[in-house]
């Protein structure tokens, strides 16, 4: 059989074949290695592997064939040198921060980050003497002015969750290089199917594999993809010691999620732009946030960096929390849950869930209004999504009572 050549293959082919290494059984599907440890042929071999003097599996905390297959496939899709899989997306961000920074050093991060990421920088890593300055993601001057001699990392999501604000990755990459810092981009909302930040100038990409990489809301996991081996070696040393590792079973699930990543993102983006345009015209909606819309402030930049607008559509209703909750509670098809990237479309109120643990001042700075509703579009038919949302929005627009609020 001919050897698979990743250099001559398209994205969808890489999604199903990159990183696969068959065992002596020549299985067609990716195997799963549910084992904590590996047996050595001799004491000499054991010593050599523990010392890193020869390749081979040692212990599943830091070497497992199934996890390695996922890592290699995702690194290939991102155009990176190496990948390290982690137990969750937040552990990927924490590990990256702890590997790159020391006590007394500094991070510049975007204001509009996912609420838990904001809490991580503001309330957790700060306890270890690492300070963070938050700036508007689209204000390059603010990024530049916030950098200090001790700044070692710039961190941004692009686009942000849930407002779809877009970072100029190329400009931030240049800024980071000239000021001696590393640029880390959370690519969880675009995935490599829509954007490849390493090619735009980022040094590291982080993922919550739980979201689109899985695609069906089955497992929790994360990943860090590096552009060069130096960053990888630093991260791997921390992984081996601290152990925020991905389980082999979860890696096996994510491998299968990657197989359909490209086609899922195409379908999700197609429905998302239709939904955003429909919401924009609805009288109960005050504002729509979606970078695929021509009226979005980051649309032109997104069009240069991304293949499409992504799957997150957020909108503000006329009113406040009560009106937003009424719209959410009127749905029958959409799942009320904070997860995203699922084949099932989800809906949530960010101010009281995903961004509920940050302060009111931080929510205001991030633009998270009490009237904001976030829809993470899945593979439900567009007509069903629209009908489900129209039930509550139409009643809100007419000033009437909400039909059938409450799911029983």
Protein backbone atom coordinates (compact mmCIF):
# COMPACT_ATOMS: atom_id res chain seq x y z
CA UNK A 1 0.00 0.00 0.00
CA UNK A 2 1.26 3.50 -0.82
CA UNK A 3 2.52 5.67 2.04
CA UNK A 4 0.17 8.51 2.98
CA UNK A 5 1.77 11.90 2.18
CA UNK A 6 0.24 14.73 4.21
CA UNK A 7 2.04 17.35 2.10
CA UNK A 8 -0.05 16.48 -0.94
CA UNK A 9 -3.44 16.26 0.81
CA UNK A 10 -6.31 18.67 1.38
CA UNK A 11 -7.81 19.69 4.72
CA UNK A 12 -10.63 17.15 4.71
CA UNK A 13 -8.26 14.29 3.86
CA UNK A 14 -5.88 15.37 6.63
CA UNK A 15 -8.84 15.48 9.02
CA UNK A 16 -9.47 11.77 8.56
CA UNK A 17 -5.94 10.44 7.97
CA UNK A 18 -3.21 12.66 9.45
CA UNK A 19 -1.43 11.25 12.49
CA UNK A 20 -2.73 7.70 12.14
CA UNK A 21 -0.18 4.96 12.85
CA UNK A 22 -1.46 1.42 12.41
CA UNK A 23 -0.34 -1.41 14.65
CA UNK A 24 0.72 -4.83 13.43
CA UNK A 25 -2.96 -5.75 13.12
CA UNK A 26 -3.37 -3.21 10.29
CA UNK A 27 -6.66 -1.89 11.69
CA UNK A 28 -8.52 0.62 9.52
CA UNK A 29 -9.97 2.66 12.42
CA UNK A 30 -7.75 4.46 14.92
CA UNK A 31 -7.00 2.11 17.84
CA UNK A 32 -7.41 3.14 21.46
CA UNK A 33 -4.68 2.36 24.00
CA UNK A 34 -6.38 2.25 27.41
CA UNK A 35 -3.32 1.60 29.51
CA UNK A 36 -1.57 3.58 32.20
CA UNK A 37 1.91 2.18 31.58
CA UNK A 38 3.99 0.33 28.99
CA UNK A 39 6.25 -2.72 29.31
CA UNK A 40 9.95 -2.54 28.46
CA UNK A 41 12.04 -5.33 27.00
CA UNK A 42 14.87 -4.71 29.46
CA UNK A 43 16.03 -2.55 32.34
CA UNK A 44 18.34 -0.77 29.91
CA UNK A 45 15.46 0.12 27.62
CA UNK A 46 13.39 1.36 30.57
CA UNK A 47 16.23 3.62 31.74
CA UNK A 48 16.80 4.97 28.23
CA UNK A 49 13.14 5.81 27.70
CA UNK A 50 12.75 7.47 31.08
CA UNK A 51 15.83 9.55 30.35
CA UNK A 52 14.56 10.49 26.88
CA UNK A 53 17.57 8.89 25.23
CA UNK A 54 15.43 6.77 22.91
CA UNK A 55 11.86 7.17 21.67
CA UNK A 56 8.98 5.08 22.94
CA UNK A 57 6.08 5.04 25.33
CA UNK A 58 6.71 5.33 29.06
CA UNK A 59 3.58 6.32 30.96
CA UNK A 60 0.23 7.65 29.71
CA UNK A 61 0.54 10.87 31.66
CA UNK A 62 2.87 12.08 28.92
CA UNK A 63 3.21 9.32 26.27
CA UNK A 64 0.25 7.46 24.83
CA UNK A 65 -0.22 6.39 21.19
CA UNK A 66 -3.87 7.43 20.98
CA UNK A 67 -3.21 10.84 22.49
CA UNK A 68 -0.19 11.24 20.21
CA UNK A 69 -2.32 10.46 17.14
CA UNK A 70 -4.75 13.24 18.11
CA UNK A 71 -1.86 15.62 18.76
CA UNK A 72 -0.23 14.89 15.41
CA UNK A 73 -3.50 15.27 13.50
CA UNK A 74 -4.37 18.60 15.11
CA UNK A 75 -0.82 19.94 14.67
CA UNK A 76 -1.04 19.06 10.97
CA UNK A 77 -4.40 20.78 10.58
CA UNK A 78 -3.12 23.92 12.35
CA UNK A 79 0.12 23.98 10.38
CA UNK A 80 2.10 23.75 13.62
CA UNK A 81 5.27 21.96 14.61
CA UNK A 82 3.93 20.04 17.60
CA UNK A 83 0.83 19.70 19.78
CA UNK A 84 0.24 18.82 23.41
CA UNK A 85 -3.19 17.50 24.42
CA UNK A 86 -4.55 18.46 27.84
CA UNK A 87 -7.42 17.54 30.15
CA UNK A 88 -9.51 20.62 29.28
CA UNK A 89 -9.35 23.88 27.39
CA UNK A 90 -8.77 25.79 30.61
CA UNK A 91 -5.88 23.48 31.54
CA UNK A 92 -4.38 24.22 28.12
CA UNK A 93 -4.47 27.95 28.87
CA UNK A 94 -3.17 27.48 32.43
CA UNK A 95 -0.35 25.21 31.28
CA UNK A 96 0.67 27.66 28.56
CA UNK A 97 0.69 30.55 31.03
CA UNK A 98 2.68 28.67 33.67
CA UNK A 99 5.16 27.38 31.11
CA UNK A 100 5.87 30.75 29.50
CA UNK A 101 5.82 33.05 32.54
CA UNK A 102 7.49 33.35 35.91
CA UNK A 103 6.81 35.33 39.07
CA UNK A 104 7.02 39.05 38.35
CA UNK A 105 6.24 38.77 34.65
CA UNK A 106 3.26 40.20 32.82
CA UNK A 107 0.47 39.32 30.37
CA UNK A 108 -1.53 41.58 28.08
CA UNK A 109 -4.91 40.01 27.33
CA UNK A 110 -8.07 40.98 25.50
CA UNK A 111 -11.03 42.26 27.53
CA UNK A 112 -13.63 40.19 25.74
CA UNK A 113 -12.34 36.77 26.72
CA UNK A 114 -14.52 33.89 27.83
CA UNK A 115 -15.51 34.57 31.44
CA UNK A 116 -13.54 31.70 32.97
CA UNK A 117 -10.42 32.74 31.05
CA UNK A 118 -10.77 36.25 32.46
CA UNK A 119 -11.10 34.75 35.94
CA UNK A 120 -8.04 32.57 35.37
CA UNK A 121 -5.83 35.55 34.54
CA UNK A 122 -7.39 37.90 37.07
CA UNK A 123 -7.92 35.62 40.07
CA UNK A 124 -5.71 32.53 39.72
CA UNK A 125 -2.38 33.21 38.02
CA UNK A 126 -2.28 36.58 39.78
CA UNK A 127 -1.76 34.68 43.04
CA UNK A 128 1.58 33.47 41.65
CA UNK A 129 2.86 36.98 40.98
CA UNK A 130 1.85 37.17 37.31
CA UNK A 131 -0.03 40.36 36.52
CA UNK A 132 -2.46 40.82 33.62
CA UNK A 133 -3.52 44.01 31.84
CA UNK A 134 -6.75 43.79 29.84
CA UNK A 135 -7.19 45.85 26.67
CA UNK A 136 -9.73 46.10 23.86
CA UNK A 137 -9.00 43.31 21.40
CA UNK A 138 -9.20 45.61 18.35
CA UNK A 139 -7.16 48.52 19.77
CA UNK A 140 -3.58 47.95 18.60
CA UNK A 141 -2.38 51.15 20.26
CA UNK A 142 -3.71 49.93 23.61
CA UNK A 143 -1.91 46.61 23.16
CA UNK A 144 1.36 48.40 22.42
CA UNK A 145 1.04 50.85 25.32
CA UNK A 146 0.21 48.04 27.78
CA UNK A 147 3.42 46.10 27.04
CA UNK A 148 6.16 46.44 29.65
CA UNK A 149 9.73 45.16 29.77
CA UNK A 150 8.45 42.21 31.84
CA UNK A 151 5.61 41.37 29.40
CA UNK A 152 6.13 37.85 28.07
CA UNK A 153 2.74 36.93 26.61
CA UNK A 154 -0.06 38.48 24.58
CA UNK A 155 -3.31 36.50 24.74
CA UNK A 156 -6.47 36.85 22.67
CA UNK A 157 -9.46 34.93 21.37
CA UNK A 158 -10.36 35.57 17.78
CA UNK A 159 -13.22 35.88 17.35
CA UNK A 160 -14.26 36.41 20.95
CA UNK A 161 -17.05 34.54 22.71
CA UNK A 162 -19.80 35.69 22.44
CA UNK A 163 -19.50 39.09 20.69
CA UNK A 164 -17.32 37.96 17.79
CA UNK A 165 -14.69 40.68 18.19
CA UNK A 166 -11.75 40.04 15.89
CA UNK A 167 -8.05 40.41 16.73
CA UNK A 168 -5.58 41.50 14.06
CA UNK A 169 -3.42 38.41 14.50
CA UNK A 170 -0.72 39.47 12.03
CA UNK A 171 -0.30 42.88 13.67
CA UNK A 172 -0.25 41.38 17.17
CA UNK A 173 2.29 38.80 16.04
CA UNK A 174 4.60 41.52 14.76
CA UNK A 175 4.11 43.51 17.97
CA UNK A 176 4.89 40.48 20.13
CA UNK A 177 8.06 39.63 18.21
CA UNK A 178 9.42 43.18 18.34
CA UNK A 179 8.75 43.45 22.09
CA UNK A 180 10.09 40.06 23.15
CA UNK A 181 6.76 38.39 23.93
CA UNK A 182 4.87 35.35 22.63
CA UNK A 183 1.46 35.66 20.98
CA UNK A 184 -1.08 33.05 22.08
CA UNK A 185 -4.39 32.81 20.22
CA UNK A 186 -7.42 30.84 21.37
CA UNK A 187 -8.66 29.38 18.07
CA UNK A 188 -11.53 27.48 19.61
CA UNK A 189 -14.31 29.28 17.75
CA UNK A 190 -12.77 29.20 14.28
CA UNK A 191 -10.81 25.94 14.45
CA UNK A 192 -8.22 25.30 11.71
CA UNK A 193 -11.12 24.69 9.33
CA UNK A 194 -11.69 28.46 9.23
CA UNK A 195 -8.45 30.08 10.42
CA UNK A 196 -4.80 29.12 11.02
CA UNK A 197 -3.34 31.72 13.42
CA UNK A 198 0.18 30.24 13.34
CA UNK A 199 0.42 31.14 9.67
CA UNK A 200 -0.72 34.68 10.49
CA UNK A 201 1.98 35.26 13.12
CA UNK A 202 0.86 33.60 16.36
CA UNK A 203 3.42 31.55 18.30
CA UNK A 204 0.95 29.26 20.06
CA UNK A 205 -2.66 28.24 19.47
CA UNK A 206 -4.86 26.86 22.25
CA UNK A 207 -8.08 24.89 21.88
CA UNK A 208 -10.96 23.66 23.93
CA UNK A 209 -11.30 20.33 22.16
CA UNK A 210 -14.63 19.95 23.97
CA UNK A 211 -16.19 22.30 21.45
CA UNK A 212 -15.96 22.02 17.66
CA UNK A 213 -13.06 19.55 17.59
CA UNK A 214 -15.31 16.99 19.26
CA UNK A 215 -18.46 18.36 17.70
CA UNK A 216 -20.94 16.28 19.70
CA UNK A 217 -20.45 17.42 23.28
CA UNK A 218 -19.12 14.08 24.44
CA UNK A 219 -15.79 14.69 26.18
CA UNK A 220 -13.79 17.45 27.83
CA UNK A 221 -10.30 18.18 26.56
CA UNK A 222 -7.86 20.83 25.38
CA UNK A 223 -4.80 21.27 23.22
CA UNK A 224 -1.81 23.55 22.71
CA UNK A 225 -0.24 23.76 19.24
CA UNK A 226 3.17 25.41 18.88
CA UNK A 227 4.83 26.93 15.85
CA UNK A 228 8.30 25.80 16.90
CA UNK A 229 9.94 23.05 18.94
CA UNK A 230 11.28 25.39 21.65
CA UNK A 231 7.86 26.29 23.00
CA UNK A 232 6.79 22.65 22.73
CA UNK A 233 9.72 21.40 24.80
CA UNK A 234 8.96 23.91 27.56
CA UNK A 235 5.30 22.92 27.60
CA UNK A 236 6.04 19.20 27.47
CA UNK A 237 8.31 19.46 30.49
CA UNK A 238 5.46 21.02 32.47
CA UNK A 239 2.96 18.43 31.22
CA UNK A 240 5.23 15.56 32.25
CA UNK A 241 5.69 17.01 35.73
CA UNK A 242 2.28 18.55 36.50
CA UNK A 243 0.14 16.07 34.54
CA UNK A 244 -2.83 18.06 33.12
CA UNK A 245 -3.09 15.22 30.62
CA UNK A 246 -5.79 14.12 28.18
CA UNK A 247 -7.15 10.63 28.69
CA UNK A 248 -6.63 8.12 25.83
CA UNK A 249 -10.38 7.55 25.56
CA UNK A 250 -11.07 11.26 25.12
CA UNK A 251 -8.30 11.52 22.54
CA UNK A 252 -9.89 8.66 20.61
CA UNK A 253 -13.24 10.49 20.64
CA UNK A 254 -11.61 13.73 19.47
CA UNK A 255 -9.83 11.91 16.65
CA UNK A 256 -13.23 10.93 15.31
CA UNK A 257 -14.55 14.43 15.85
CA UNK A 258 -11.77 15.84 13.68
CA UNK A 259 -12.83 13.55 10.82
CA UNK A 260 -15.94 15.65 10.17
CA UNK A 261 -14.60 19.06 11.27
CA UNK A 262 -14.43 20.65 7.82
CA UNK A 263 -17.87 19.65 6.62
CA UNK A 264 -19.49 20.48 9.97
CA UNK A 265 -18.01 23.98 10.02
CA UNK A 266 -19.21 24.63 6.47
CA UNK A 267 -22.78 23.69 7.36
CA UNK A 268 -22.73 25.55 10.69
CA UNK A 269 -21.41 28.75 9.11
CA UNK A 270 -24.01 28.59 6.32
CA UNK A 271 -26.86 28.47 8.86
CA UNK A 272 -25.22 31.06 11.13
CA UNK A 273 -25.06 33.83 8.54
CA UNK A 274 -28.71 33.20 7.61
CA UNK A 275 -29.69 33.37 11.27
CA UNK A 276 -27.72 36.57 11.85
CA UNK A 277 -29.37 38.27 8.88
CA UNK A 278 -32.84 37.19 10.02
CA UNK A 279 -32.24 38.38 13.58
CA UNK A 280 -30.96 41.72 12.33
CA UNK A 281 -34.37 42.43 10.79
CA UNK A 282 -36.48 41.25 13.73
CA UNK A 283 -38.22 44.09 15.62
CA UNK A 284 -37.57 42.51 19.03
CA UNK A 285 -33.80 42.49 18.43
CA UNK A 286 -31.76 45.56 19.28
CA UNK A 287 -28.37 44.42 18.00
CA UNK A 288 -26.73 41.35 16.42
CA UNK A 289 -23.11 40.31 16.93
CA UNK A 290 -21.69 38.15 14.14
CA UNK A 291 -18.43 38.85 12.26
CA UNK A 292 -19.92 37.46 9.06
CA UNK A 293 -22.30 40.42 8.88
CA UNK A 294 -21.08 43.35 6.80
CA UNK A 295 -22.22 45.70 9.59
CA UNK A 296 -20.00 44.04 12.22
CA UNK A 297 -16.98 46.26 13.13
CA UNK A 298 -14.58 43.36 12.61
CA UNK A 299 -16.09 42.08 9.37
CA UNK A 300 -13.33 43.18 6.97
CA UNK A 301 -10.58 41.83 9.21
CA UNK A 302 -12.48 38.59 9.74
CA UNK A 303 -12.87 38.23 5.97
CA UNK A 304 -9.07 38.41 5.61
CA UNK A 305 -8.30 35.98 8.46
CA UNK A 306 -11.22 33.54 8.36
CA UNK A 307 -12.97 31.50 5.70
CA UNK A 308 -16.38 32.28 7.25
CA UNK A 309 -17.95 33.96 10.27
CA UNK A 310 -18.15 30.93 12.56
CA UNK A 311 -21.03 29.42 14.48
CA UNK A 312 -21.68 31.88 17.34
CA UNK A 313 -24.52 34.36 16.83
CA UNK A 314 -25.26 36.70 19.75
CA UNK A 315 -28.01 39.28 19.94
CA UNK A 316 -29.49 41.80 22.36
CA UNK A 317 -33.24 42.00 22.78
CA UNK A 318 -35.14 45.15 23.69
CA UNK A 319 -35.31 45.05 27.46
CA UNK A 320 -33.01 43.32 29.92
CA UNK A 321 -32.46 40.02 31.70
CA UNK A 322 -36.16 39.22 32.09
CA UNK A 323 -36.81 39.62 28.36
CA UNK A 324 -33.70 37.63 27.40
CA UNK A 325 -34.71 34.79 29.74
CA UNK A 326 -38.24 34.78 28.34
CA UNK A 327 -36.92 34.32 24.80
CA UNK A 328 -34.61 31.50 25.95
CA UNK A 329 -37.36 29.78 27.95
CA UNK A 330 -39.76 29.86 25.00
CA UNK A 331 -37.58 27.58 22.86
CA UNK A 332 -38.45 23.93 22.32
CA UNK A 333 -35.70 22.72 19.99
CA UNK A 334 -32.59 24.60 21.09
CA UNK A 335 -30.77 23.18 24.13
CA UNK A 336 -30.38 25.57 27.07
CA UNK A 337 -26.75 24.83 27.90
CA UNK A 338 -23.49 26.73 27.96
CA UNK A 339 -21.61 24.31 25.72
CA UNK A 340 -20.95 25.27 22.12
CA UNK A 341 -19.57 23.59 19.02
CA UNK A 342 -22.14 20.82 19.29
CA UNK A 343 -24.18 19.40 16.40
CA UNK A 344 -27.18 20.37 18.55
CA UNK A 345 -27.85 24.12 18.54
CA UNK A 346 -27.55 25.64 22.02
CA UNK A 347 -28.80 28.86 23.61
CA UNK A 348 -27.68 30.61 26.79
CA UNK A 349 -27.72 33.90 28.70
CA UNK A 350 -24.01 34.82 29.02
CA UNK A 351 -24.36 37.42 31.79
CA UNK A 352 -25.74 34.85 34.23
CA UNK A 353 -23.79 31.77 33.07
CA UNK A 354 -20.55 31.86 31.07
CA UNK A 355 -19.68 35.34 32.35
CA UNK A 356 -21.55 35.11 35.64
CA UNK A 357 -18.47 34.73 37.85
CA UNK A 358 -16.71 37.90 36.74
CA UNK A 359 -17.59 41.25 38.27
CA UNK A 360 -20.32 43.52 36.87
CA UNK A 361 -17.57 45.96 35.94
CA UNK A 362 -15.72 43.27 33.99
CA UNK A 363 -18.92 42.26 32.22
CA UNK A 364 -19.56 45.86 31.26
CA UNK A 365 -15.99 46.23 29.97
CA UNK A 366 -16.44 43.05 27.92
CA UNK A 367 -19.76 44.27 26.49
CA UNK A 368 -21.83 41.51 28.12
CA UNK A 369 -25.24 43.15 28.53
CA UNK A 370 -28.11 41.64 30.55
CA UNK A 371 -30.19 41.60 27.35
CA UNK A 372 -27.64 39.47 25.48
CA UNK A 373 -28.52 35.98 24.22
CA UNK A 374 -25.97 33.62 22.65
CA UNK A 375 -26.86 30.98 20.10
CA UNK A 376 -24.25 28.38 19.14
CA UNK A 377 -25.56 27.10 15.83
CA UNK A 378 -25.36 23.37 15.22
CA UNK A 379 -26.65 21.09 12.48
CA UNK A 380 -30.37 21.53 13.19
CA UNK A 381 -32.19 22.78 10.12
CA UNK A 382 -32.12 26.56 9.80
CA UNK A 383 -35.91 26.66 9.52
CA UNK A 384 -36.31 24.87 12.86
CA UNK A 385 -33.82 27.20 14.58
CA UNK A 386 -35.58 30.27 13.21
CA UNK A 387 -39.04 28.99 14.15
CA UNK A 388 -37.87 28.15 17.67
CA UNK A 389 -36.46 31.64 18.24
CA UNK A 390 -39.39 33.36 16.55
CA UNK A 391 -41.79 31.94 19.14
CA UNK A 392 -40.37 34.14 21.87
CA UNK A 393 -39.13 37.04 19.77
CA UNK A 394 -42.47 37.53 18.03
CA UNK A 395 -44.29 37.62 21.36
CA UNK A 396 -41.73 40.09 22.71
CA UNK A 397 -42.16 42.34 19.67
CA UNK A 398 -45.95 42.29 19.95
CA UNK A 399 -45.92 42.99 23.66
CA UNK A 400 -47.99 39.88 24.32
CA UNK A 401 -47.42 37.06 26.74
CA UNK A 402 -44.81 34.48 25.88
CA UNK A 403 -46.32 31.26 24.51
CA UNK A 404 -45.72 28.20 26.63
CA UNK A 405 -42.79 29.56 28.63
CA UNK A 406 -41.24 26.87 30.81
CA UNK A 407 -40.26 23.39 29.72
CA UNK A 408 -41.99 21.52 32.48
